[in-house]
N, C-alpha and C. Protein backbone atom coordinates (compact mmCIF):
# COMPACT_ATOMS: atom_id res chain seq x y z
N MET A 1 -35.04 134.63 -184.50
CA MET A 1 -34.74 134.73 -185.91
C MET A 1 -35.77 134.56 -187.21
N GLY A 2 -36.50 135.81 -187.74
CA GLY A 2 -37.62 135.25 -188.27
C GLY A 2 -37.19 135.31 -189.91
N ALA A 3 -38.59 135.14 -190.47
CA ALA A 3 -38.10 134.96 -191.99
C ALA A 3 -37.68 136.35 -192.77
N GLY A 4 -37.94 137.46 -191.97
CA GLY A 4 -37.13 138.47 -192.53
C GLY A 4 -35.50 138.22 -192.80
N TRP A 5 -34.76 137.96 -191.31
CA TRP A 5 -33.25 137.53 -191.53
C TRP A 5 -32.95 136.66 -192.34
N MET A 6 -33.53 135.71 -192.55
CA MET A 6 -33.16 134.57 -193.52
C MET A 6 -33.23 135.19 -194.70
N ALA A 7 -34.27 135.96 -195.37
CA ALA A 7 -34.57 136.25 -196.54
C ALA A 7 -32.98 137.50 -196.49
N ALA A 8 -32.69 138.36 -195.97
CA ALA A 8 -31.73 139.38 -195.64
C ALA A 8 -30.24 138.53 -195.98
N CYS A 9 -30.24 137.38 -195.42
CA CYS A 9 -29.09 136.44 -195.11
C CYS A 9 -28.72 135.86 -196.58
N LEU A 10 -29.68 135.34 -197.23
CA LEU A 10 -30.17 134.88 -198.59
C LEU A 10 -29.42 135.54 -199.77
N ALA A 11 -29.93 137.01 -199.34
CA ALA A 11 -29.82 138.01 -200.44
C ALA A 11 -28.27 138.48 -200.00
N ALA A 12 -27.85 138.21 -199.12
CA ALA A 12 -26.33 138.78 -198.98
C ALA A 12 -25.61 137.46 -199.34
N MET A 13 -26.10 136.61 -199.20
CA MET A 13 -24.91 135.37 -199.93
C MET A 13 -25.13 135.47 -201.45
N ALA A 14 -26.18 135.61 -201.81
CA ALA A 14 -26.21 135.90 -203.39
C ALA A 14 -25.20 137.11 -204.15
N LEU A 15 -25.27 138.11 -203.28
CA LEU A 15 -24.69 139.37 -204.14
C LEU A 15 -22.97 139.07 -203.86
N THR A 16 -22.86 138.66 -202.34
CA THR A 16 -21.28 137.72 -202.47
C THR A 16 -20.92 136.77 -203.52
N GLY A 17 -21.82 136.32 -204.07
CA GLY A 17 -21.58 134.98 -204.81
C GLY A 17 -21.33 135.78 -206.25
N CYS A 18 -22.02 136.52 -206.57
CA CYS A 18 -22.05 137.27 -207.96
C CYS A 18 -20.76 137.97 -207.88
N HIS A 19 -20.50 138.86 -206.77
CA HIS A 19 -18.94 139.53 -206.77
C HIS A 19 -18.01 139.31 -205.72
N GLY A 20 -17.91 137.66 -205.57
CA GLY A 20 -16.79 137.15 -204.80
C GLY A 20 -15.37 137.31 -205.45
N VAL A 21 -14.58 136.84 -204.48
CA VAL A 21 -12.99 137.16 -204.68
C VAL A 21 -12.63 135.67 -205.92
N PRO A 22 -11.91 136.19 -207.22
CA PRO A 22 -11.63 135.08 -207.93
C PRO A 22 -10.62 133.53 -207.24
N ALA A 23 -11.11 132.69 -207.87
CA ALA A 23 -10.22 131.56 -207.16
C ALA A 23 -8.65 131.68 -207.64
N ALA A 24 -8.07 131.24 -206.91
CA ALA A 24 -6.70 131.04 -206.99
C ALA A 24 -5.90 130.13 -208.11
N PRO A 25 -5.33 130.44 -208.97
CA PRO A 25 -4.89 129.65 -210.07
C PRO A 25 -4.16 128.56 -209.31
N GLU A 26 -4.54 127.47 -210.16
CA GLU A 26 -3.92 125.95 -209.79
C GLU A 26 -2.55 126.01 -210.37
N PRO A 27 -1.65 125.69 -209.32
CA PRO A 27 -0.34 125.77 -209.53
C PRO A 27 0.23 124.89 -210.61
N ALA A 28 1.30 125.16 -211.28
CA ALA A 28 1.62 124.86 -212.57
C ALA A 28 2.43 123.28 -212.11
N PRO A 29 2.09 122.29 -212.74
CA PRO A 29 2.68 120.97 -212.61
C PRO A 29 4.24 121.04 -212.64
N SER A 30 5.09 120.67 -211.55
CA SER A 30 6.48 120.61 -211.51
C SER A 30 7.10 119.53 -212.44
N GLY A 31 8.19 119.66 -212.65
CA GLY A 31 8.82 118.44 -213.78
C GLY A 31 8.79 118.37 -214.80
N ALA A 32 9.12 117.04 -215.56
CA ALA A 32 9.16 117.02 -217.06
C ALA A 32 7.99 115.93 -217.14
N VAL A 33 7.79 115.22 -218.41
CA VAL A 33 6.98 114.36 -218.50
C VAL A 33 7.58 113.81 -219.94
N VAL A 34 7.23 112.22 -219.84
CA VAL A 34 7.70 111.62 -221.28
C VAL A 34 6.10 110.88 -221.13
N GLU A 35 5.79 111.15 -222.53
CA GLU A 35 4.66 110.63 -223.12
C GLU A 35 5.06 109.51 -224.13
N GLY A 36 4.12 108.48 -223.86
CA GLY A 36 4.59 107.31 -224.71
C GLY A 36 3.18 106.52 -224.96
N SER A 37 3.51 105.59 -225.68
CA SER A 37 2.24 104.33 -226.43
C SER A 37 2.78 103.17 -226.38
N ALA A 38 2.48 102.12 -225.46
CA ALA A 38 2.83 100.86 -225.71
C ALA A 38 1.82 100.24 -225.79
N THR A 39 2.33 98.99 -227.18
CA THR A 39 1.41 98.22 -227.51
C THR A 39 1.87 96.67 -227.87
N PHE A 40 1.40 95.74 -228.21
CA PHE A 40 1.80 94.80 -228.56
C PHE A 40 0.99 93.87 -229.67
N TYR A 41 1.40 93.25 -230.40
CA TYR A 41 1.06 92.49 -232.16
C TYR A 41 0.01 91.57 -231.64
N GLU A 42 0.25 90.77 -230.69
CA GLU A 42 -0.69 89.38 -230.51
C GLU A 42 -2.01 89.58 -230.25
N LYS A 43 -2.69 88.76 -230.76
CA LYS A 43 -4.45 88.76 -230.81
C LYS A 43 -5.05 88.60 -229.44
N LEU A 44 -4.50 89.07 -228.60
CA LEU A 44 -5.29 88.88 -227.11
C LEU A 44 -5.54 90.01 -225.99
N MET A 45 -6.46 89.83 -225.22
CA MET A 45 -6.82 90.98 -224.59
C MET A 45 -6.23 90.34 -223.05
N MET A 46 -5.82 91.54 -222.70
CA MET A 46 -5.35 91.14 -221.18
C MET A 46 -6.46 91.48 -220.23
N PRO A 47 -6.29 90.48 -219.24
CA PRO A 47 -7.38 90.46 -218.34
C PRO A 47 -7.65 91.83 -217.24
N ALA A 48 -8.80 92.05 -217.05
CA ALA A 48 -9.01 93.51 -216.40
C ALA A 48 -8.44 93.44 -215.28
N GLY A 49 -7.61 94.72 -214.78
CA GLY A 49 -6.73 95.04 -213.55
C GLY A 49 -5.70 94.69 -214.07
N SER A 50 -4.90 94.64 -215.34
CA SER A 50 -3.70 94.28 -215.60
C SER A 50 -2.82 95.50 -215.52
N VAL A 51 -1.48 95.63 -215.32
CA VAL A 51 -0.97 96.91 -214.83
C VAL A 51 0.36 96.89 -215.52
N LEU A 52 0.34 98.44 -216.23
CA LEU A 52 1.55 98.73 -217.37
C LEU A 52 2.33 99.41 -216.39
N THR A 53 3.80 99.19 -216.20
CA THR A 53 4.83 99.69 -215.32
C THR A 53 5.97 100.29 -216.43
N VAL A 54 5.94 101.37 -216.44
CA VAL A 54 6.55 102.22 -217.07
C VAL A 54 7.99 102.86 -216.07
N GLU A 55 9.36 102.65 -216.74
CA GLU A 55 10.49 103.54 -215.93
C GLU A 55 11.58 104.34 -217.03
N LEU A 56 11.63 105.53 -216.44
CA LEU A 56 12.67 106.15 -217.35
C LEU A 56 14.16 105.69 -216.61
N VAL A 57 14.80 105.42 -217.87
CA VAL A 57 16.27 104.58 -217.15
C VAL A 57 17.22 105.48 -217.88
N ASP A 58 18.52 105.44 -217.42
CA ASP A 58 19.88 105.91 -218.35
C ASP A 58 20.08 104.91 -218.93
N LEU A 59 20.21 105.19 -220.29
CA LEU A 59 20.91 104.01 -221.18
C LEU A 59 22.11 103.83 -221.05
N ASP A 60 23.16 104.59 -220.52
CA ASP A 60 24.37 103.87 -220.22
C ASP A 60 24.73 103.19 -218.91
N GLY A 61 23.99 103.73 -217.97
CA GLY A 61 24.16 103.51 -216.60
C GLY A 61 22.98 102.06 -215.77
N GLY A 62 21.71 102.37 -216.80
CA GLY A 62 20.80 101.67 -216.03
C GLY A 62 20.01 101.81 -214.98
N GLN A 63 20.45 103.20 -214.55
CA GLN A 63 19.61 103.51 -213.36
C GLN A 63 18.40 104.17 -213.43
N ALA A 64 17.64 104.31 -212.76
CA ALA A 64 15.88 104.30 -212.84
C ALA A 64 15.83 105.61 -212.27
N TYR A 65 15.55 107.09 -213.27
CA TYR A 65 15.17 108.08 -212.68
C TYR A 65 13.39 108.25 -212.26
N ALA A 66 12.82 107.60 -213.06
CA ALA A 66 11.27 107.61 -212.39
C ALA A 66 10.63 106.10 -213.08
N ARG A 67 9.52 105.66 -212.02
CA ARG A 67 8.72 104.76 -212.46
C ARG A 67 7.47 105.16 -211.90
N SER A 68 6.34 104.54 -213.08
CA SER A 68 4.79 104.74 -212.49
C SER A 68 4.13 103.46 -213.26
N GLU A 69 2.97 103.11 -212.32
CA GLU A 69 2.19 102.18 -212.57
C GLU A 69 0.84 102.60 -213.16
N PHE A 70 0.51 101.89 -214.20
CA PHE A 70 -0.87 102.47 -214.67
C PHE A 70 -1.71 101.08 -214.64
N PRO A 71 -2.63 101.36 -213.76
CA PRO A 71 -3.64 99.82 -213.84
C PRO A 71 -4.78 100.26 -214.44
N SER A 72 -5.13 99.12 -214.68
CA SER A 72 -6.94 99.20 -215.40
C SER A 72 -6.59 99.72 -216.85
N LEU A 73 -5.94 99.81 -217.64
CA LEU A 73 -6.09 100.30 -218.49
C LEU A 73 -6.64 99.57 -219.88
N PRO A 74 -7.58 100.57 -220.80
CA PRO A 74 -8.04 99.11 -221.82
C PRO A 74 -7.20 98.97 -222.60
N GLY A 75 -7.60 98.56 -223.37
CA GLY A 75 -6.57 97.75 -224.58
C GLY A 75 -6.02 98.48 -225.27
N PRO A 76 -4.87 97.78 -225.93
CA PRO A 76 -3.38 98.33 -226.40
C PRO A 76 -4.44 99.70 -227.66
N PRO A 77 -3.47 100.34 -228.03
CA PRO A 77 -2.24 100.94 -227.58
C PRO A 77 -2.30 101.60 -226.06
N TYR A 78 -1.67 101.27 -225.35
CA TYR A 78 -1.59 101.83 -223.86
C TYR A 78 -0.78 102.87 -223.85
N ALA A 79 -1.78 104.28 -223.37
CA ALA A 79 -1.02 105.57 -223.64
C ALA A 79 -0.72 105.64 -222.12
N PHE A 80 0.31 106.50 -222.02
CA PHE A 80 0.71 106.63 -220.51
C PHE A 80 1.49 108.36 -220.70
N ALA A 81 1.67 108.93 -219.55
CA ALA A 81 2.53 110.03 -219.40
C ALA A 81 3.41 109.77 -218.13
N LEU A 82 4.59 109.66 -218.19
CA LEU A 82 5.30 109.29 -217.24
C LEU A 82 6.29 110.79 -216.48
N ARG A 83 5.58 111.08 -215.55
CA ARG A 83 6.33 112.26 -214.70
C ARG A 83 7.83 112.17 -214.11
N TYR A 84 8.63 112.92 -214.24
CA TYR A 84 9.84 112.96 -213.58
C TYR A 84 10.55 114.40 -213.49
N ASP A 85 11.63 114.18 -212.39
CA ASP A 85 12.27 115.38 -212.39
C ASP A 85 13.29 115.79 -213.00
N PRO A 86 13.43 116.58 -213.70
CA PRO A 86 14.74 116.56 -214.61
C PRO A 86 15.94 117.07 -213.94
N GLY A 87 15.87 117.72 -212.18
CA GLY A 87 17.30 117.94 -211.66
C GLY A 87 17.67 116.51 -211.35
N ARG A 88 17.10 115.73 -211.14
CA ARG A 88 17.52 114.07 -210.78
C ARG A 88 18.58 113.84 -211.91
N VAL A 89 18.43 113.92 -213.33
CA VAL A 89 18.93 113.32 -214.34
C VAL A 89 20.17 114.20 -214.59
N PRO A 90 21.37 113.70 -214.59
CA PRO A 90 22.95 114.46 -214.92
C PRO A 90 22.49 114.82 -216.44
N PRO A 91 23.18 116.18 -216.57
CA PRO A 91 23.06 116.62 -217.89
C PRO A 91 24.19 115.59 -218.97
N GLY A 92 23.66 115.46 -220.30
CA GLY A 92 24.19 114.69 -221.23
C GLY A 92 23.74 113.32 -221.02
N ARG A 93 22.95 112.81 -220.07
CA ARG A 93 22.78 111.46 -219.98
C ARG A 93 21.45 110.83 -221.16
N ARG A 94 21.79 109.85 -221.76
CA ARG A 94 20.83 109.42 -222.91
C ARG A 94 19.97 108.22 -221.64
N LEU A 95 18.54 108.96 -222.19
CA LEU A 95 17.30 108.34 -221.72
C LEU A 95 16.69 107.22 -222.26
N GLY A 96 15.97 106.24 -221.69
CA GLY A 96 15.10 105.38 -222.49
C GLY A 96 14.18 105.11 -221.65
N VAL A 97 13.08 104.57 -222.30
CA VAL A 97 11.47 104.24 -221.31
C VAL A 97 11.59 102.83 -221.24
N HIS A 98 11.48 102.04 -220.31
CA HIS A 98 11.25 100.63 -220.58
C HIS A 98 9.75 100.12 -219.94
N ALA A 99 9.31 99.48 -220.32
CA ALA A 99 7.72 99.04 -220.14
C ALA A 99 7.46 97.46 -219.81
N SER A 100 6.61 97.12 -219.13
CA SER A 100 6.42 95.80 -218.88
C SER A 100 4.86 95.68 -218.68
N LEU A 101 3.96 94.80 -219.10
CA LEU A 101 2.75 94.71 -218.64
C LEU A 101 2.44 93.23 -217.97
N ARG A 102 1.90 93.31 -216.60
CA ARG A 102 1.40 92.38 -215.78
C ARG A 102 -0.06 91.80 -215.54
N THR A 103 -0.38 91.21 -215.50
CA THR A 103 -1.95 90.48 -215.00
C THR A 103 -2.02 90.68 -213.61
N PRO A 104 -3.02 90.79 -213.26
CA PRO A 104 -3.52 91.19 -211.99
C PRO A 104 -2.92 90.28 -210.81
N GLU A 105 -2.49 89.32 -211.05
CA GLU A 105 -2.01 88.31 -210.27
C GLU A 105 -0.25 88.44 -210.32
N GLY A 106 0.52 89.44 -211.16
CA GLY A 106 1.79 89.71 -211.09
C GLY A 106 2.48 89.15 -212.27
N GLU A 107 2.16 88.39 -212.88
CA GLU A 107 2.70 87.80 -214.07
C GLU A 107 2.97 88.60 -215.24
N ARG A 108 4.30 88.57 -215.60
CA ARG A 108 4.85 89.42 -216.63
C ARG A 108 4.49 89.06 -218.03
N MET A 109 3.60 89.49 -218.72
CA MET A 109 3.08 89.01 -219.76
C MET A 109 3.97 89.31 -221.31
N PHE A 110 4.32 90.82 -221.10
CA PHE A 110 4.95 91.64 -222.31
C PHE A 110 5.91 92.47 -221.64
N ALA A 111 6.73 92.82 -222.38
CA ALA A 111 7.82 93.74 -222.01
C ALA A 111 8.50 94.41 -223.34
N THR A 112 9.24 95.79 -223.13
CA THR A 112 10.49 96.27 -223.99
C THR A 112 11.55 94.81 -224.17
N ALA A 113 11.82 95.01 -225.07
CA ALA A 113 13.38 94.12 -225.15
C ALA A 113 14.22 94.41 -224.86
N ALA A 114 14.44 95.91 -224.97
CA ALA A 114 15.21 96.58 -224.26
C ALA A 114 14.60 98.01 -224.23
N PRO A 115 15.36 98.99 -223.24
CA PRO A 115 14.84 100.38 -223.35
C PRO A 115 14.87 100.78 -224.35
N VAL A 116 13.56 101.83 -224.72
CA VAL A 116 13.11 102.60 -226.00
C VAL A 116 14.27 103.79 -225.57
N PRO A 117 15.01 104.76 -226.35
CA PRO A 117 15.68 105.93 -226.75
C PRO A 117 14.29 106.70 -226.36
N VAL A 118 14.34 107.79 -225.66
CA VAL A 118 13.74 109.07 -225.71
C VAL A 118 14.36 110.09 -225.52
N GLU A 119 13.94 111.47 -225.75
CA GLU A 119 14.55 112.46 -225.82
C GLU A 119 14.01 113.52 -224.59
N ALA A 120 14.47 113.83 -223.70
CA ALA A 120 14.20 114.23 -222.59
C ALA A 120 13.57 115.87 -223.30
N GLY A 121 12.59 115.97 -222.77
CA GLY A 121 12.01 117.84 -222.89
C GLY A 121 11.40 117.55 -224.40
N ARG A 122 11.46 116.40 -225.13
CA ARG A 122 10.91 116.39 -226.41
C ARG A 122 9.71 116.25 -226.45
N ALA A 123 8.47 117.44 -226.98
CA ALA A 123 7.42 117.35 -227.21
C ALA A 123 6.67 115.76 -228.06
N GLY A 124 5.16 115.38 -227.84
CA GLY A 124 5.05 114.10 -228.56
C GLY A 124 5.19 112.94 -227.70
N THR A 125 4.75 112.05 -228.57
CA THR A 125 4.59 110.67 -227.77
C THR A 125 5.79 109.51 -228.44
N ALA A 126 6.52 108.91 -227.59
CA ALA A 126 7.21 107.91 -228.13
C ALA A 126 6.68 106.31 -228.03
N PRO A 127 6.13 105.83 -229.11
CA PRO A 127 5.46 104.74 -229.60
C PRO A 127 6.23 103.71 -229.60
N PHE A 128 6.28 102.73 -228.90
CA PHE A 128 6.68 101.43 -228.82
C PHE A 128 6.42 100.06 -228.67
N ARG A 129 6.56 99.24 -229.24
CA ARG A 129 6.27 97.66 -229.10
C ARG A 129 6.68 96.90 -227.72
N MET A 130 5.88 96.39 -227.14
CA MET A 130 6.29 95.01 -226.06
C MET A 130 5.99 94.00 -226.60
N LEU A 131 7.25 93.06 -226.69
CA LEU A 131 7.02 91.41 -226.78
C LEU A 131 6.53 90.76 -225.50
N ARG A 132 6.38 89.75 -226.27
CA ARG A 132 5.62 88.33 -225.23
C ARG A 132 6.61 87.73 -224.37
N THR A 133 6.54 87.73 -223.25
CA THR A 133 7.74 87.50 -222.34
C THR A 133 7.71 85.69 -222.10
N PRO A 134 8.74 85.20 -222.14
CA PRO A 134 8.37 83.50 -221.83
C PRO A 134 7.87 83.42 -220.39
């Protein structure tokens, strides 16, 4: 296999690259998303590695439909996007978001006093305040 063969292979690869098959489109994300922004008003910074936990809950029955943890977030406000399966939520249910912020050691420092009502399928973010826990 000489230099001529190598040059021919490189030329063929270059031509194929120019006229290659287009990449398949990425699949659309399934489910729905609740976007929000959690904050607290105390003048302190959480330690690195703190974790924000966000749950989508039924305001009438308390059942959780989705839960996600967001580690190592920068200082407040803490933006999040919580994905959930709308097929798991019975029609007509009132939904809310509950959030808590824990240190890397697991100590809960801040939390919502009660779930914050959100509308399923509504665009935009739901801003809310977390309170210092005892």
